[in-house]
Amino acid sequence: MRGEAQISRTRGDQLVWLKVMLRHHGPARFGYRNPVDLVVSRLDVRRDLARELVYLAQRLDDERIERMRRGAVSYVRVLEETRLMEAGASADEIARTRTWASTRSAGSAGSIGA
C-alpha cells in the first residue's frame, strides 16, 4: 500500500539519522542515558518503535537502509528478516517467509516488494 511505502521511506530516513547519531556518540553528547531515550525524545516516537529503530540502526548496512528509503523493501520486512537472521534462520527459511508473505498479500495493489 502507498501508505506503508511512505512509512518505510520515513523509517529509512530516521535510520540514516540514527546511524549518524550512534557513530558520533550522539546520545551521550546530548545528555541521554541511551540511544532509545534519544530517539524517543528527538523523533517523538513510542518507546517500542524507538527500540526497533536502535536495533536496526546497530545492525543494518547503509545499502539496506537506502533500499528502504527508495521504497524497494518495507520497514516491517527488514525488521522481520533481521530478527530471523539473528535467531539463526537460514537464507532459504527467510526466502520462504517472503514467498509466504507475498502469497498472503496477493491482491494488495501497490504493496512494497521484499
C-alpha atoms as a PDB file:
ATOM      1  CA  MET A   1       0.000   0.000   0.000  1.00  0.00           C
ATOM      2  CA  ARG A   2       1.102   3.509  -0.678  1.00  0.00           C
ATOM      3  CA  GLY A   3       0.853   4.485   2.991  1.00  0.00           C
ATOM      4  CA  GLU A   4       3.145   1.645   4.065  1.00  0.00           C
ATOM      5  CA  ALA A   5       5.687   2.628   1.419  1.00  0.00           C
ATOM      6  CA  GLN A   6       5.685   6.186   2.738  1.00  0.00           C
ATOM      7  CA  ILE A   7       6.139   4.955   6.313  1.00  0.00           C
ATOM      8  CA  SER A   8       9.015   2.720   5.228  1.00  0.00           C
ATOM      9  CA  ARG A   9      10.751   5.599   3.440  1.00  0.00           C
ATOM     10  CA  THR A  10      10.365   7.747   6.553  1.00  0.00           C
ATOM     11  CA  ARG A  11      11.743   4.965   8.775  1.00  0.00           C
ATOM     12  CA  GLY A  12      14.699   4.700   6.395  1.00  0.00           C
ATOM     13  CA  ASP A  13      15.372   8.427   6.794  1.00  0.00           C
ATOM     14  CA  GLN A  14      15.153   8.048  10.571  1.00  0.00           C
ATOM     15  CA  LEU A  15      17.619   5.146  10.471  1.00  0.00           C
ATOM     16  CA  VAL A  16      20.121   7.220   8.482  1.00  0.00           C
ATOM     17  CA  TRP A  17      19.890   9.988  11.094  1.00  0.00           C
ATOM     18  CA  LEU A  18      20.173   7.500  13.948  1.00  0.00           C
ATOM     19  CA  LYS A  19      23.244   5.774  12.481  1.00  0.00           C
ATOM     20  CA  VAL A  20      24.963   9.171  12.315  1.00  0.00           C
ATOM     21  CA  MET A  21      23.996   9.855  15.937  1.00  0.00           C
ATOM     22  CA  LEU A  22      25.358   6.472  17.025  1.00  0.00           C
ATOM     23  CA  ARG A  23      28.628   6.904  15.101  1.00  0.00           C
ATOM     24  CA  HIS A  24      29.204  10.271  16.760  1.00  0.00           C
ATOM     25  CA  HIS A  25      28.101   9.205  20.249  1.00  0.00           C
ATOM     26  CA  GLY A  26      25.018  11.418  19.967  1.00  0.00           C
ATOM     27  CA  PRO A  27      23.120  10.011  22.949  1.00  0.00           C
ATOM     28  CA  ALA A  28      25.918  10.817  25.419  1.00  0.00           C
ATOM     29  CA  ARG A  29      26.747  14.089  23.690  1.00  0.00           C
ATOM     30  CA  PHE A  30      23.204  15.327  24.109  1.00  0.00           C
ATOM     31  CA  GLY A  31      22.863  14.043  27.664  1.00  0.00           C
ATOM     32  CA  TYR A  32      20.719  10.960  27.067  1.00  0.00           C
ATOM     33  CA  ARG A  33      21.278   7.782  29.049  1.00  0.00           C
ATOM     34  CA  ASN A  34      20.935   5.565  25.998  1.00  0.00           C
ATOM     35  CA  PRO A  35      20.064   5.647  22.277  1.00  0.00           C
ATOM     36  CA  VAL A  36      16.419   4.705  22.891  1.00  0.00           C
ATOM     37  CA  ASP A  37      15.901   7.786  25.071  1.00  0.00           C
ATOM     38  CA  LEU A  38      17.458   9.931  22.332  1.00  0.00           C
ATOM     39  CA  VAL A  39      15.104   8.516  19.692  1.00  0.00           C
ATOM     40  CA  VAL A  40      12.006   8.859  21.875  1.00  0.00           C
ATOM     41  CA  SER A  41      12.839  12.478  22.594  1.00  0.00           C
ATOM     42  CA  ARG A  42      14.168  13.680  19.241  1.00  0.00           C
ATOM     43  CA  LEU A  43      11.848  11.747  16.910  1.00  0.00           C
ATOM     44  CA  ASP A  44       8.815  11.861  19.199  1.00  0.00           C
ATOM     45  CA  VAL A  45       8.036   8.158  18.757  1.00  0.00           C
ATOM     46  CA  ARG A  46       6.812   5.415  21.081  1.00  0.00           C
ATOM     47  CA  ARG A  47       9.458   3.614  23.121  1.00  0.00           C
ATOM     48  CA  ASP A  48       8.830   0.261  21.384  1.00  0.00           C
ATOM     49  CA  LEU A  49       9.376   1.864  17.970  1.00  0.00           C
ATOM     50  CA  ALA A  50      12.495   3.612  19.285  1.00  0.00           C
ATOM     51  CA  ARG A  51      13.850   0.224  20.410  1.00  0.00           C
ATOM     52  CA  GLU A  52      13.200  -1.223  16.933  1.00  0.00           C
ATOM     53  CA  LEU A  53      14.949   1.700  15.251  1.00  0.00           C
ATOM     54  CA  VAL A  54      18.003   1.413  17.503  1.00  0.00           C
ATOM     55  CA  TYR A  55      18.069  -2.366  16.949  1.00  0.00           C
ATOM     56  CA  LEU A  56      18.069  -1.915  13.171  1.00  0.00           C
ATOM     57  CA  ALA A  57      20.489   1.038  13.140  1.00  0.00           C
ATOM     58  CA  GLN A  58      23.021  -1.082  15.012  1.00  0.00           C
ATOM     59  CA  ARG A  59      22.690  -3.984  12.559  1.00  0.00           C
ATOM     60  CA  LEU A  60      21.869  -2.745   9.060  1.00  0.00           C
ATOM     61  CA  ASP A  61      24.349  -1.622   6.465  1.00  0.00           C
ATOM     62  CA  ASP A  62      23.825   1.606   4.560  1.00  0.00           C
ATOM     63  CA  GLU A  63      22.710  -0.165   1.376  1.00  0.00           C
ATOM     64  CA  ARG A  64      19.847  -1.974   3.107  1.00  0.00           C
ATOM     65  CA  ILE A  65      18.672   1.284   4.636  1.00  0.00           C
ATOM     66  CA  GLU A  66      18.916   3.020   1.264  1.00  0.00           C
ATOM     67  CA  ARG A  67      16.700   0.323  -0.285  1.00  0.00           C
ATOM     68  CA  MET A  68      14.137   1.083   2.409  1.00  0.00           C
ATOM     69  CA  ARG A  69      14.399   4.815   1.686  1.00  0.00           C
ATOM     70  CA  ARG A  70      13.726   4.144  -2.001  1.00  0.00           C
ATOM     71  CA  GLY A  71      10.699   2.036  -1.151  1.00  0.00           C
ATOM     72  CA  ALA A  72      12.240  -1.168  -2.538  1.00  0.00           C
ATOM     73  CA  VAL A  73      11.716  -3.009   0.757  1.00  0.00           C
ATOM     74  CA  SER A  74       9.378  -2.357   3.658  1.00  0.00           C
ATOM     75  CA  TYR A  75      10.418  -1.425   7.167  1.00  0.00           C
ATOM     76  CA  VAL A  76       8.394  -4.308   8.604  1.00  0.00           C
ATOM     77  CA  ARG A  77      10.009  -6.822   6.202  1.00  0.00           C
ATOM     78  CA  VAL A  78      13.515  -5.580   7.085  1.00  0.00           C
ATOM     79  CA  LEU A  79      12.756  -5.813  10.800  1.00  0.00           C
ATOM     80  CA  GLU A  80      11.336  -9.339  10.448  1.00  0.00           C
ATOM     81  CA  GLU A  81      14.232 -10.575   8.334  1.00  0.00           C
ATOM     82  CA  THR A  82      16.827  -9.042  10.642  1.00  0.00           C
ATOM     83  CA  ARG A  83      15.245 -10.769  13.630  1.00  0.00           C
ATOM     84  CA  LEU A  84      15.105 -14.067  11.734  1.00  0.00           C
ATOM     85  CA  MET A  85      18.771 -13.801  10.716  1.00  0.00           C
ATOM     86  CA  GLU A  86      19.790 -13.036  14.259  1.00  0.00           C
ATOM     87  CA  ALA A  87      17.791 -16.017  15.511  1.00  0.00           C
ATOM     88  CA  GLY A  88      19.784 -18.247  13.167  1.00  0.00           C
ATOM     89  CA  ALA A  89      17.350 -18.697  10.273  1.00  0.00           C
ATOM     90  CA  SER A  90      18.930 -19.790   7.013  1.00  0.00           C
ATOM     91  CA  ALA A  91      18.689 -17.789   3.796  1.00  0.00           C
ATOM     92  CA  ASP A  92      16.258 -20.430   2.487  1.00  0.00           C
ATOM     93  CA  GLU A  93      13.996 -20.073   5.519  1.00  0.00           C
ATOM     94  CA  ILE A  94      13.960 -16.304   5.129  1.00  0.00           C
ATOM     95  CA  ALA A  95      13.215 -16.628   1.407  1.00  0.00           C
ATOM     96  CA  ARG A  96      10.258 -18.887   2.235  1.00  0.00           C
ATOM     97  CA  THR A  97       8.830 -16.192   4.516  1.00  0.00           C
ATOM     98  CA  ARG A  98       8.957 -13.787   1.566  1.00  0.00           C
ATOM     99  CA  THR A  99       7.069 -16.254  -0.599  1.00  0.00           C
ATOM    100  CA  TRP A 100       4.539 -16.874   2.140  1.00  0.00           C
ATOM    101  CA  ALA A 101       4.056 -13.155   2.737  1.00  0.00           C
ATOM    102  CA  SER A 102       3.648 -12.394  -0.970  1.00  0.00           C
ATOM    103  CA  THR A 103       1.016 -15.112  -1.437  1.00  0.00           C
ATOM    104  CA  ARG A 104      -0.770 -13.848   1.655  1.00  0.00           C
ATOM    105  CA  SER A 105      -0.854 -10.306   0.308  1.00  0.00           C
ATOM    106  CA  ALA A 106      -1.525 -11.199  -3.337  1.00  0.00           C
ATOM    107  CA  GLY A 107      -4.272  -8.951  -4.454  1.00  0.00           C
ATOM    108  CA  SER A 108      -2.984  -5.979  -2.474  1.00  0.00           C
ATOM    109  CA  ALA A 109      -2.274  -3.414  -5.139  1.00  0.00           C
ATOM    110  CA  GLY A 110       0.731  -1.183  -4.586  1.00  0.00           C
ATOM    111  CA  SER A 111       2.389  -3.255  -1.869  1.00  0.00           C
ATOM    112  CA  ILE A 112       6.128  -2.917  -1.376  1.00  0.00           C
ATOM    113  CA  GLY A 113       8.281  -5.753  -2.648  1.00  0.00           C
ATOM    114  CA  ALA A 114      10.603  -7.640  -0.349  1.00  0.00           C
END
